[in-house]
Amino acid sequence: TSFSTPKKKKRDDGMREHVTGCARSEGYYKIDKKDKLKYLNNSRAFAEEPPADTQVRARPPLAAERRSEQRRLLSSFTGSCDSDLLKFNQLKFRKKKLKFCKSHIHDWGLFAMEPIAADEMVIEYVGQNIRQVIADMREKRYEDEGIGSSYMFRVDHDTIIDATKCGNFARFINHSCNPNCYAKVITVESQKKIVIYSKQHINVNEEITYDYKFPIEDVKIPCLCGSENCRGTLN
């Protein structure tokens, strides 16, 4: 049962030559340390110096790549597309840092947690799109339920955004006769949206305000903004 193992030949490069033509068919065998070092040195050299035509540039981080792509798109589309649409897409990628807390104007207010430059989109006024008839019914129901404030924003003659029970932080923005923001209606994918823009530079912890522009009525709503040119009433 004892068979003499034939002596293995070596190739010109010093590596072992397999008699059967396949290393896996010859079973386990020991490799000399010198042969291992030759093989390791050759593989390292190949890994460290890839051919020039196969070298691939390392991809930048995903976040940096996105920012670069956004800047490239903005620069290429400026002047040829609606800037409001581009800014709205930017606002969706990176929302402004805002918080709501007690306000000296009225109840709750919205405050900036980061500096905001002039003519920037601050936040979208989010709510349910309803018709005028539904708005009248809801306003009466809110009064019966004891809800002191209704957060309805008119988009056009037929559409109103109701954020009373379904909305975002934008509903906490208070009125001011000397505001640092203004509201604007823009069209995104054939749908009208209300977006709050900054009129001027807004500092950290500064309250976000805009003019409600209520229609003039006989029953006046007192204004508590406290600005120098305060009109005294919201309507």
Protein backbone atom coordinates (compact mmCIF):
# COMPACT_ATOMS: atom_id res chain seq x y z
CA THR A 1 0.00 0.00 0.00
CA SER A 2 3.01 2.27 0.08
CA PHE A 3 3.57 4.11 -3.17
CA SER A 4 6.55 6.28 -3.91
CA THR A 5 5.54 9.83 -4.60
CA PRO A 6 7.02 10.99 -7.89
CA LYS A 7 9.35 13.94 -7.58
CA LYS A 8 7.61 17.15 -8.55
CA LYS A 9 9.25 19.25 -11.20
CA LYS A 10 9.57 22.98 -10.97
CA ARG A 11 8.93 25.47 -13.69
CA ASP A 12 11.43 28.01 -14.90
CA ASP A 13 9.93 30.65 -12.61
CA GLY A 14 10.54 28.45 -9.56
CA MET A 15 6.88 27.53 -9.05
CA ARG A 16 5.87 23.89 -8.74
CA GLU A 17 4.64 22.18 -11.93
CA HIS A 18 1.58 19.97 -11.48
CA VAL A 19 1.90 16.57 -13.17
CA THR A 20 -1.84 16.09 -13.60
CA GLY A 21 -2.34 19.64 -14.79
CA CYS A 22 -4.57 20.63 -11.86
CA ALA A 23 -3.46 21.45 -8.32
CA ARG A 24 -6.76 20.34 -6.77
CA SER A 25 -6.41 16.80 -8.17
CA GLU A 26 -3.07 16.20 -6.40
CA GLY A 27 -4.40 16.59 -2.87
CA TYR A 28 -2.68 18.35 0.02
CA TYR A 29 1.04 18.98 -0.20
CA LYS A 30 3.46 21.25 1.53
CA ILE A 31 4.95 24.27 -0.21
CA ASP A 32 8.43 25.49 0.60
CA LYS A 33 8.73 28.87 2.29
CA LYS A 34 10.92 30.12 -0.55
CA ASP A 35 8.18 29.32 -3.07
CA LYS A 36 5.59 31.04 -0.87
CA LEU A 37 7.68 34.21 -0.67
CA LYS A 38 8.12 34.27 -4.45
CA TYR A 39 4.39 33.92 -4.96
CA LEU A 40 3.52 36.57 -2.35
CA ASN A 41 6.05 39.04 -3.72
CA ASN A 42 4.71 38.60 -7.23
CA SER A 43 1.08 39.05 -6.13
CA ARG A 44 1.88 42.18 -4.09
CA ALA A 45 3.72 43.77 -6.96
CA PHE A 46 0.76 43.11 -9.22
CA ALA A 47 -1.69 44.57 -6.70
CA GLU A 48 0.35 47.70 -6.01
CA GLU A 49 1.07 48.52 -9.65
CA PRO A 50 -1.99 47.87 -11.79
CA PRO A 51 -1.73 48.57 -15.50
CA ALA A 52 -2.28 52.18 -16.51
CA ASP A 53 -5.30 51.36 -18.65
CA THR A 54 -7.08 49.58 -15.76
CA GLN A 55 -6.61 52.27 -13.10
CA VAL A 56 -9.94 53.61 -11.80
CA ARG A 57 -10.34 56.87 -9.93
CA ALA A 58 -11.79 56.54 -6.45
CA ARG A 59 -15.38 57.74 -6.30
CA PRO A 60 -15.99 60.72 -4.01
CA PRO A 61 -18.29 60.31 -1.01
CA LEU A 62 -21.97 60.13 -1.86
CA ALA A 63 -22.90 63.33 0.02
CA ALA A 64 -20.15 65.34 -1.69
CA GLU A 65 -21.17 63.91 -5.04
CA ARG A 66 -24.79 64.96 -4.49
CA ARG A 67 -23.78 68.50 -3.54
CA SER A 68 -21.55 68.73 -6.59
CA GLU A 69 -24.35 67.47 -8.81
CA GLN A 70 -26.78 70.00 -7.35
CA ARG A 71 -24.35 72.88 -7.96
CA ARG A 72 -23.79 71.67 -11.51
CA LEU A 73 -27.53 71.48 -12.21
CA LEU A 74 -28.16 74.89 -10.69
CA SER A 75 -25.43 76.51 -12.76
CA SER A 76 -26.57 74.83 -15.97
CA PHE A 77 -30.30 75.55 -15.53
CA THR A 78 -30.11 79.08 -14.16
CA GLY A 79 -31.72 81.43 -16.64
CA SER A 80 -33.30 78.64 -18.68
CA CYS A 81 -35.67 77.18 -16.05
CA ASP A 82 -37.87 78.45 -13.29
CA SER A 83 -35.61 79.32 -10.35
CA ASP A 84 -38.49 78.71 -7.91
CA LEU A 85 -38.67 75.08 -9.01
CA LEU A 86 -34.93 74.63 -8.53
CA LYS A 87 -35.06 76.20 -5.09
CA PHE A 88 -38.02 74.02 -4.14
CA ASN A 89 -36.08 70.90 -5.13
CA GLN A 90 -33.16 72.18 -3.06
CA LEU A 91 -35.49 72.69 -0.09
CA LYS A 92 -36.60 69.05 -0.38
CA PHE A 93 -32.97 67.85 -0.35
CA ARG A 94 -32.00 69.92 2.68
CA LYS A 95 -34.65 71.40 4.93
CA LYS A 96 -33.89 74.47 7.00
CA LYS A 97 -33.34 73.85 10.71
CA LEU A 98 -36.34 75.37 12.48
CA LYS A 99 -38.06 74.98 15.84
CA PHE A 100 -41.35 76.13 17.36
CA CYS A 101 -41.60 77.50 20.87
CA LYS A 102 -43.38 80.22 22.84
CA SER A 103 -43.52 83.57 21.10
CA HIS A 104 -43.82 87.10 22.46
CA ILE A 105 -46.15 87.95 19.55
CA HIS A 106 -48.82 85.30 20.04
CA ASP A 107 -48.84 81.85 21.62
CA TRP A 108 -46.47 79.64 19.58
CA GLY A 109 -44.01 80.82 16.96
CA LEU A 110 -41.43 79.45 14.53
CA PHE A 111 -37.75 80.26 15.07
CA ALA A 112 -34.60 79.76 12.99
CA MET A 113 -31.95 77.38 14.34
CA GLU A 114 -29.43 78.35 11.65
CA PRO A 115 -28.60 81.55 9.73
CA ILE A 116 -30.82 81.99 6.67
CA ALA A 117 -29.73 84.19 3.78
CA ALA A 118 -32.04 86.61 1.99
CA ASP A 119 -34.31 85.31 -0.80
CA GLU A 120 -34.13 81.72 0.41
CA MET A 121 -36.95 79.21 0.67
CA VAL A 122 -37.55 78.71 4.39
CA ILE A 123 -40.41 76.20 4.56
CA GLU A 124 -43.43 75.03 2.59
CA TYR A 125 -46.88 75.64 4.04
CA VAL A 126 -48.26 72.09 4.15
CA GLY A 127 -51.89 71.13 4.70
CA GLN A 128 -55.01 69.74 3.04
CA ASN A 129 -56.15 71.30 -0.25
CA ILE A 130 -59.86 72.06 0.06
CA ARG A 131 -62.49 74.10 -1.78
CA GLN A 132 -64.11 77.28 -0.48
CA VAL A 133 -67.34 75.49 0.43
CA ILE A 134 -65.48 72.97 2.59
CA ALA A 135 -63.41 75.76 4.14
CA ASP A 136 -66.57 77.58 5.27
CA MET A 137 -67.96 74.38 6.81
CA ARG A 138 -64.71 73.60 8.60
CA GLU A 139 -64.34 77.14 9.94
CA LYS A 140 -67.77 76.91 11.55
CA ARG A 141 -66.99 73.46 12.94
CA TYR A 142 -63.68 74.64 14.40
CA GLU A 143 -65.52 77.45 16.21
CA ASP A 144 -68.02 74.96 17.65
CA GLU A 145 -65.16 72.71 18.81
CA GLY A 146 -63.50 75.61 20.61
CA ILE A 147 -60.45 75.81 18.37
CA GLY A 148 -59.40 79.42 18.75
CA SER A 149 -57.18 79.62 15.68
CA SER A 150 -57.73 78.18 12.25
CA TYR A 151 -54.75 77.77 9.97
CA MET A 152 -56.25 78.25 6.51
CA PHE A 153 -54.16 79.76 3.73
CA ARG A 154 -55.79 80.82 0.47
CA VAL A 155 -53.94 79.71 -2.67
CA ASP A 156 -56.34 81.10 -5.27
CA HIS A 157 -60.05 81.79 -5.72
CA ASP A 158 -61.01 78.09 -5.51
CA THR A 159 -58.28 76.44 -3.42
CA ILE A 160 -57.44 76.81 0.27
CA ILE A 161 -54.79 74.97 2.28
CA ASP A 162 -56.07 73.90 5.70
CA ALA A 163 -53.27 73.13 8.17
CA THR A 164 -55.42 73.26 11.32
CA LYS A 165 -55.29 69.54 12.03
CA CYS A 166 -52.97 68.30 9.29
CA GLY A 167 -49.92 70.43 8.63
CA ASN A 168 -46.30 71.17 9.46
CA PHE A 169 -44.35 73.78 11.46
CA ALA A 170 -45.25 76.52 8.96
CA ARG A 171 -48.66 76.95 10.60
CA PHE A 172 -46.94 78.36 13.72
CA ILE A 173 -45.51 81.37 11.85
CA ASN A 174 -46.92 84.56 13.35
CA HIS A 175 -47.98 87.75 11.60
CA SER A 176 -45.85 90.90 11.67
CA CYS A 177 -46.33 94.31 10.12
CA ASN A 178 -42.57 94.41 9.54
CA PRO A 179 -41.89 90.75 8.63
CA ASN A 180 -38.62 89.08 7.71
CA CYS A 181 -40.34 86.66 5.30
CA TYR A 182 -43.10 86.64 2.70
CA ALA A 183 -45.37 83.97 1.21
CA LYS A 184 -45.37 83.09 -2.46
CA VAL A 185 -47.46 80.71 -4.57
CA ILE A 186 -45.41 78.57 -6.94
CA THR A 187 -46.40 75.79 -9.33
CA VAL A 188 -44.63 72.44 -9.06
CA GLU A 189 -45.70 69.68 -11.46
CA SER A 190 -48.96 71.52 -12.27
CA GLN A 191 -49.78 71.78 -8.55
CA LYS A 192 -49.83 75.09 -6.69
CA LYS A 193 -47.85 75.28 -3.45
CA ILE A 194 -47.29 78.00 -0.85
CA VAL A 195 -43.68 78.57 0.15
CA ILE A 196 -42.30 80.99 2.74
CA TYR A 197 -39.33 83.03 1.44
CA SER A 198 -36.89 85.12 3.49
CA LYS A 199 -36.95 88.87 2.76
CA GLN A 200 -33.67 89.53 4.56
CA HIS A 201 -30.92 87.77 6.47
CA ILE A 202 -32.34 85.89 9.46
CA ASN A 203 -30.17 85.21 12.49
CA VAL A 204 -30.17 82.18 14.76
CA ASN A 205 -33.08 82.17 17.27
CA GLU A 206 -34.85 84.94 15.33
CA GLU A 207 -38.58 84.43 14.90
CA ILE A 208 -39.92 83.76 11.39
CA THR A 209 -42.76 86.16 10.50
CA TYR A 210 -44.73 87.25 7.45
CA ASP A 211 -47.66 89.54 6.67
CA TYR A 212 -50.94 87.62 6.70
CA LYS A 213 -52.54 90.24 4.41
CA PHE A 214 -56.03 89.60 5.72
CA PRO A 215 -58.84 91.37 3.83
CA ILE A 216 -60.19 94.54 5.41
CA GLU A 217 -63.25 93.81 7.57
CA ASP A 218 -65.41 95.70 10.03
CA VAL A 219 -64.58 93.37 12.92
CA LYS A 220 -60.91 94.04 13.58
CA ILE A 221 -58.34 91.53 14.84
CA PRO A 222 -55.74 93.24 17.04
CA CYS A 223 -52.09 92.91 16.02
CA LEU A 224 -49.51 92.18 18.72
CA CYS A 225 -46.33 92.13 16.61
CA GLY A 226 -44.87 95.17 18.42
CA SER A 227 -42.97 96.50 15.40
CA GLU A 228 -42.36 100.23 14.91
CA ASN A 229 -44.75 100.52 11.96
CA CYS A 230 -47.42 98.23 13.41
CA ARG A 231 -50.84 98.86 11.84
CA GLY A 232 -52.62 97.85 15.04
CA THR A 233 -54.84 95.25 13.37
CA LEU A 234 -54.35 92.22 11.13
CA ASN A 235 -57.30 93.21 8.93
